Amino acid sequence: MPKILLVEDNEMNRDMLSRRLMRKGYDVVMALDGMEGVAAAKSESPDLILMDMSLPVLDGWDATRQLKQDPETKHIPVIALTAHAMATDREKAFQAGCDDFDTKPVEWNRLLEKMQAYLKV
C-alpha cells in the first residue's frame, strides 16, 4: 500500500487521521512540524504528503516550498490541510506548491477521494 507522510502538530488530528489511514491499509509516517516533515519526505520517500499549514518551527507553506524546490521531493503530491478556508488561503497553498487543498475539520470521504486520485488506487 502507498506510504503517506502526515505532517500535523495537533495530537488529536494526528491520531484520528493516522488511525483512519492505517485502517484503510496505508503505511503512515508522521512528523510534528515542517522541519521534521521535510526531513521525513527525504528519508521516507512517501507517495503522498498531507501537510498541515499551521505548524511550529517551519510552517506548512515554507515546508512545501522547500519540498517542491528539491529535485529529490518535488514529484511527491502535497495536499494542504488547513482550518483557514478562505479563497486567499487556497490560492496561497497553490502558490506554495501544494497540489491540492482541503479544509479542517477533515471530511474523510472527500479527502480520501483526493488522495486516491493522486495515488491512482
Protein backbone atom coordinates (compact mmCIF):
# COMPACT_ATOMS: atom_id res chain seq x y z
CA MET A 1 0.00 0.00 0.00
CA PRO A 2 1.10 3.59 -0.53
CA LYS A 3 3.13 5.42 2.12
CA ILE A 4 1.58 8.63 3.46
CA LEU A 5 3.53 11.30 5.31
CA LEU A 6 1.22 13.09 7.74
CA VAL A 7 2.70 16.41 8.90
CA GLU A 8 0.46 17.54 11.76
CA ASP A 9 1.29 19.14 15.12
CA ASN A 10 -2.14 18.67 16.72
CA GLU A 11 -2.13 15.35 18.57
CA MET A 12 -5.88 14.78 18.26
CA ASN A 13 -5.89 15.43 14.49
CA ARG A 14 -2.75 13.34 14.01
CA ASP A 15 -4.19 10.43 15.98
CA MET A 16 -7.56 10.49 14.21
CA LEU A 17 -6.13 10.78 10.71
CA SER A 18 -3.33 8.26 11.20
CA ARG A 19 -5.70 5.62 12.60
CA ARG A 20 -8.16 6.09 9.74
CA LEU A 21 -5.36 5.90 7.17
CA MET A 22 -3.90 2.74 8.73
CA ARG A 23 -7.35 1.11 8.81
CA LYS A 24 -7.51 1.75 5.06
CA GLY A 25 -4.19 -0.06 4.74
CA TYR A 26 -1.87 2.90 4.21
CA ASP A 27 1.64 2.91 5.63
CA VAL A 28 1.71 6.13 7.71
CA VAL A 29 4.78 8.13 8.69
CA MET A 30 4.29 11.17 10.95
CA ALA A 31 6.07 14.46 11.51
CA LEU A 32 5.18 17.07 14.14
CA ASP A 33 6.46 20.21 12.40
CA GLY A 34 7.52 21.43 8.98
CA MET A 35 11.23 20.81 9.56
CA GLU A 36 10.55 17.19 10.54
CA GLY A 37 8.21 16.92 7.56
CA VAL A 38 10.88 17.99 5.08
CA ALA A 39 13.39 15.56 6.63
CA ALA A 40 10.86 12.70 6.64
CA ALA A 41 9.94 13.35 3.00
CA LYS A 42 13.61 12.93 2.07
CA SER A 43 14.30 9.88 4.25
CA GLU A 44 10.99 8.02 3.81
CA SER A 45 10.10 8.82 0.16
CA PRO A 46 6.33 8.87 0.74
CA ASP A 47 3.85 8.52 -2.10
CA LEU A 48 1.82 11.48 -0.81
CA ILE A 49 2.08 14.17 1.87
CA LEU A 50 -0.79 15.53 3.97
CA MET A 51 0.56 18.88 5.15
CA ASP A 52 -0.95 20.97 7.92
CA MET A 53 -0.25 24.61 7.08
CA SER A 54 -0.10 25.99 10.65
CA LEU A 55 2.96 24.22 12.01
CA PRO A 56 5.65 25.16 14.54
CA VAL A 57 9.36 25.57 13.66
CA LEU A 58 8.72 25.70 9.87
CA ASP A 59 5.15 26.30 8.70
CA GLY A 60 3.47 24.18 6.04
CA TRP A 61 3.75 26.92 3.41
CA ASP A 62 7.55 27.09 3.70
CA ALA A 63 7.96 23.34 4.15
CA THR A 64 6.03 22.77 0.91
CA ARG A 65 8.13 25.38 -0.92
CA GLN A 66 11.30 23.57 0.20
CA LEU A 67 9.94 20.20 -0.89
CA LYS A 68 8.86 21.47 -4.30
CA GLN A 69 12.24 23.15 -4.93
CA ASP A 70 14.17 19.96 -4.14
CA PRO A 71 14.62 17.59 -7.12
CA GLU A 72 14.50 14.67 -4.67
CA THR A 73 11.00 15.50 -3.36
CA LYS A 74 9.33 17.82 -5.90
CA HIS A 75 7.38 14.96 -7.51
CA ILE A 76 5.59 14.00 -4.27
CA PRO A 77 1.98 15.26 -4.24
CA VAL A 78 1.20 17.55 -1.30
CA ILE A 79 -2.35 18.08 -0.05
CA ALA A 80 -2.65 21.13 2.19
CA LEU A 81 -4.82 20.68 5.28
CA THR A 82 -5.91 23.88 6.97
CA ALA A 83 -8.66 25.35 9.10
CA HIS A 84 -8.28 28.52 7.00
CA ALA A 85 -10.94 28.09 4.35
CA MET A 86 -10.72 31.48 2.67
CA ALA A 87 -10.17 31.65 -1.09
CA THR A 88 -6.91 33.51 -0.44
CA ASP A 89 -5.66 30.58 1.69
CA ARG A 90 -6.43 28.15 -1.12
CA GLU A 91 -4.52 30.36 -3.55
CA LYS A 92 -1.63 30.70 -1.08
CA ALA A 93 -1.43 26.89 -0.83
CA PHE A 94 -1.20 26.51 -4.59
CA GLN A 95 1.41 29.28 -4.81
CA ALA A 96 3.49 27.45 -2.19
CA GLY A 97 3.42 24.38 -4.45
CA CYS A 98 0.62 22.30 -2.93
CA ASP A 99 -1.07 20.00 -5.43
CA ASP A 100 -4.42 20.15 -3.66
CA PHE A 101 -6.17 21.73 -0.69
CA ASP A 102 -8.64 20.50 1.90
CA THR A 103 -10.16 22.12 4.96
CA LYS A 104 -10.30 21.11 8.60
CA PRO A 105 -12.17 19.61 10.17
CA VAL A 106 -11.39 16.93 7.61
CA GLU A 107 -14.30 15.48 5.67
CA TRP A 108 -12.89 11.94 5.47
CA ASN A 109 -14.53 10.70 2.24
CA ARG A 110 -13.64 13.86 0.32
CA LEU A 111 -10.01 13.71 1.50
CA LEU A 112 -9.80 10.01 0.64
CA GLU A 113 -11.06 10.70 -2.90
CA LYS A 114 -8.44 13.40 -3.39
CA MET A 115 -5.70 11.10 -2.08
CA GLN A 116 -6.78 8.22 -4.30
CA ALA A 117 -6.74 10.47 -7.38
CA TYR A 118 -3.07 11.29 -6.75
CA LEU A 119 -2.16 7.75 -5.76
CA LYS A 120 -4.16 6.26 -8.62
CA VAL A 121 -5.54 3.45 -6.43
